[in-house]
Amino acid sequence: MIKYITFSLFIGYISWLIGMIITSLLSKSEFYQQQLSSLNFIKDEKVNEMLGLEPFKWVIMNSFFKYLNPKLSIQKRIFMSELREYRSEMTKAEFNHNFAFLFMGIFILIKVFQGFYIFAIVMLLVNILINLYPILLQQQNKRRIDRYLQLMNQRSLQNLTR
């Protein structure tokens, strides 16, 4: 079992590297900017709550994991002018995990076809923890930023009409 977990974590690490490469190649494309940057798997906050996203967020914010992406580490108050850049970095991090999730999914399918079902289940659980939950967390944070930006835009439009 330990062998399955360590191999899964190793494949997870490799998948992150692959995800970063693919994201860096795609991030300049029009499709990424217009379509992918607003992708949301789960829009209902109650579903996120049922999946345990809040405890996961707490673990990320209160452990060494918060240092893994220094561009997303909140050291100070973020100003309105920085929100779009922060959202952009969040989208890149999300897609690093998306592509890593898919890459690792290939290995999971290979293990299923080879008949190593326990190995595939362990890899799937590791993949969910190191890729799917971060994706859902990034999407939740992007929605919060989008709501805030929309509110600020509405307020500025109201101020202009006065």
Protein backbone atom coordinates (compact mmCIF):
# COMPACT_ATOMS: atom_id res chain seq x y z
CA MET A 1 0.00 0.00 0.00
CA ILE A 2 2.87 2.40 0.83
CA LYS A 3 4.31 1.66 -2.61
CA TYR A 4 1.00 2.66 -4.21
CA ILE A 5 0.85 5.92 -2.27
CA THR A 6 4.46 6.91 -2.98
CA PHE A 7 4.12 6.06 -6.67
CA SER A 8 0.87 8.06 -6.80
CA LEU A 9 2.54 11.07 -5.19
CA PHE A 10 5.46 10.77 -7.61
CA ILE A 11 3.10 10.66 -10.61
CA GLY A 12 1.23 13.59 -9.03
CA TYR A 13 4.44 15.61 -8.91
CA ILE A 14 5.27 14.76 -12.52
CA SER A 15 1.70 15.62 -13.53
CA TRP A 16 2.07 19.07 -11.93
CA LEU A 17 5.14 19.71 -14.08
CA ILE A 18 3.27 18.56 -17.19
CA GLY A 19 0.32 20.75 -16.17
CA MET A 20 2.56 23.81 -15.79
CA ILE A 21 4.07 23.27 -19.23
CA ILE A 22 0.70 22.83 -20.95
CA THR A 23 -0.79 25.81 -19.12
CA SER A 24 2.14 28.05 -20.06
CA LEU A 25 1.72 27.05 -23.71
CA LEU A 26 -2.05 27.60 -23.72
CA SER A 27 -2.29 30.69 -21.51
CA LYS A 28 -1.51 33.08 -24.36
CA SER A 29 -4.21 31.66 -26.63
CA GLU A 30 -7.53 33.34 -27.32
CA PHE A 31 -9.43 30.16 -26.38
CA TYR A 32 -7.80 30.09 -22.95
CA GLN A 33 -8.47 33.78 -22.33
CA GLN A 34 -12.11 33.75 -23.42
CA GLN A 35 -13.38 30.24 -22.70
CA LEU A 36 -11.22 28.46 -20.18
CA SER A 37 -10.57 31.29 -17.74
CA SER A 38 -14.22 31.29 -16.65
CA LEU A 39 -14.65 27.52 -16.41
CA ASN A 40 -16.61 26.30 -13.37
CA PHE A 41 -17.32 22.67 -12.50
CA ILE A 42 -19.44 23.28 -9.41
CA LYS A 43 -21.25 26.59 -9.05
CA ASP A 44 -23.36 25.71 -6.03
CA GLU A 45 -21.62 26.59 -2.77
CA LYS A 46 -23.69 23.99 -0.90
CA VAL A 47 -22.16 21.23 -3.02
CA ASN A 48 -18.68 22.61 -2.27
CA GLU A 49 -19.58 22.56 1.41
CA MET A 50 -20.79 18.94 1.19
CA LEU A 51 -17.52 17.97 -0.51
CA GLY A 52 -15.58 19.41 2.43
CA LEU A 53 -13.98 22.32 0.60
CA GLU A 54 -13.88 24.52 3.71
CA PRO A 55 -11.74 22.10 5.77
CA PHE A 56 -9.50 21.66 2.72
CA LYS A 57 -9.18 25.45 2.42
CA TRP A 58 -8.28 25.66 6.12
CA VAL A 59 -5.54 23.03 5.67
CA ILE A 60 -4.12 24.94 2.69
CA MET A 61 -4.19 28.29 4.48
CA ASN A 62 -2.68 26.94 7.72
CA SER A 63 0.06 24.62 6.50
CA PHE A 64 3.18 24.63 4.36
CA PHE A 65 0.96 24.25 1.27
CA LYS A 66 0.30 27.99 1.29
CA TYR A 67 3.94 28.50 0.27
CA LEU A 68 3.80 26.27 -2.82
CA ASN A 69 2.58 29.08 -5.06
CA PRO A 70 4.01 32.37 -3.78
CA LYS A 71 2.01 34.37 -6.32
CA LEU A 72 -1.18 33.24 -4.62
CA SER A 73 0.05 33.52 -1.06
CA ILE A 74 -1.78 36.34 0.68
CA GLN A 75 0.77 38.32 2.65
CA LYS A 76 -1.06 41.62 2.63
CA ARG A 77 -4.35 43.16 1.72
CA ILE A 78 -5.03 42.89 -1.99
CA PHE A 79 -6.03 46.11 -3.67
CA MET A 80 -8.72 46.45 -6.33
CA SER A 81 -6.07 47.17 -8.96
CA GLU A 82 -4.37 43.84 -8.20
CA LEU A 83 -7.47 41.65 -8.31
CA ARG A 84 -7.44 40.96 -12.05
CA GLU A 85 -3.80 39.89 -11.95
CA TYR A 86 -4.49 37.77 -8.87
CA ARG A 87 -7.43 36.14 -10.67
CA SER A 88 -5.22 35.47 -13.68
CA GLU A 89 -2.63 33.72 -11.49
CA MET A 90 -5.43 31.73 -9.89
CA THR A 91 -6.64 30.62 -13.32
CA LYS A 92 -3.14 29.48 -14.26
CA ALA A 93 -2.83 27.51 -11.03
CA GLU A 94 -6.26 26.00 -11.63
CA PHE A 95 -5.30 24.84 -15.10
CA ASN A 96 -1.99 23.46 -13.89
CA HIS A 97 -4.11 21.21 -11.69
CA ASN A 98 -6.66 20.51 -14.47
CA PHE A 99 -4.02 19.21 -16.85
CA ALA A 100 -2.27 17.38 -14.01
CA PHE A 101 -5.59 15.74 -13.12
CA LEU A 102 -6.07 14.57 -16.71
CA PHE A 103 -2.46 13.38 -17.02
CA MET A 104 -2.74 11.38 -13.82
CA GLY A 105 -6.09 10.05 -15.04
CA ILE A 106 -4.24 8.33 -17.88
CA PHE A 107 -2.15 6.39 -15.36
CA ILE A 108 -5.27 5.50 -13.40
CA LEU A 109 -6.90 4.09 -16.53
CA ILE A 110 -3.77 2.11 -17.35
CA LYS A 111 -3.84 0.56 -13.86
CA VAL A 112 -7.54 -0.29 -14.27
CA PHE A 113 -6.89 -1.98 -17.64
CA GLN A 114 -3.97 -3.88 -16.10
CA GLY A 115 -6.31 -5.13 -13.37
CA PHE A 116 -4.62 -3.27 -10.50
CA TYR A 117 -7.87 -1.92 -9.05
CA ILE A 118 -6.57 -1.10 -5.55
CA PHE A 119 -3.63 0.74 -7.10
CA ALA A 120 -6.05 2.66 -9.35
CA ILE A 121 -8.25 3.58 -6.38
CA VAL A 122 -5.25 4.83 -4.39
CA MET A 123 -4.09 6.89 -7.37
CA LEU A 124 -7.61 8.27 -7.82
CA LEU A 125 -7.81 9.32 -4.17
CA VAL A 126 -4.39 10.97 -4.35
CA ASN A 127 -5.41 12.68 -7.61
CA ILE A 128 -8.58 14.00 -6.00
CA LEU A 129 -6.65 15.41 -3.04
CA ILE A 130 -3.75 16.98 -4.92
CA ASN A 131 -5.56 18.11 -8.07
CA LEU A 132 -9.37 18.11 -7.91
CA TYR A 133 -9.75 19.86 -4.56
CA PRO A 134 -7.29 22.63 -5.53
CA ILE A 135 -9.25 23.09 -8.79
CA LEU A 136 -12.51 23.47 -6.89
CA LEU A 137 -10.89 25.86 -4.41
CA GLN A 138 -9.46 28.03 -7.19
CA GLN A 139 -12.84 28.11 -8.92
CA GLN A 140 -14.57 29.12 -5.69
CA ASN A 141 -12.04 31.91 -5.16
CA LYS A 142 -12.43 33.10 -8.76
CA ARG A 143 -16.20 33.29 -8.31
CA ARG A 144 -15.70 35.37 -5.17
CA ILE A 145 -13.37 37.74 -7.04
CA ASP A 146 -15.80 37.95 -9.97
CA ARG A 147 -18.70 38.83 -7.64
CA TYR A 148 -16.59 41.51 -5.98
CA LEU A 149 -15.44 42.97 -9.31
CA GLN A 150 -19.01 42.97 -10.60
CA LEU A 151 -20.17 44.77 -7.46
CA MET A 152 -17.40 47.36 -7.83
CA ASN A 153 -18.29 47.90 -11.50
CA GLN A 154 -21.95 48.41 -10.59
CA ARG A 155 -21.00 50.92 -7.92
CA SER A 156 -18.76 52.83 -10.29
CA LEU A 157 -21.53 52.91 -12.90
CA GLN A 158 -23.95 54.23 -10.29
CA ASN A 159 -21.45 56.93 -9.32
CA LEU A 160 -21.09 57.95 -12.97
CA THR A 161 -24.85 58.35 -13.43
CA ARG A 162 -25.18 60.60 -10.39
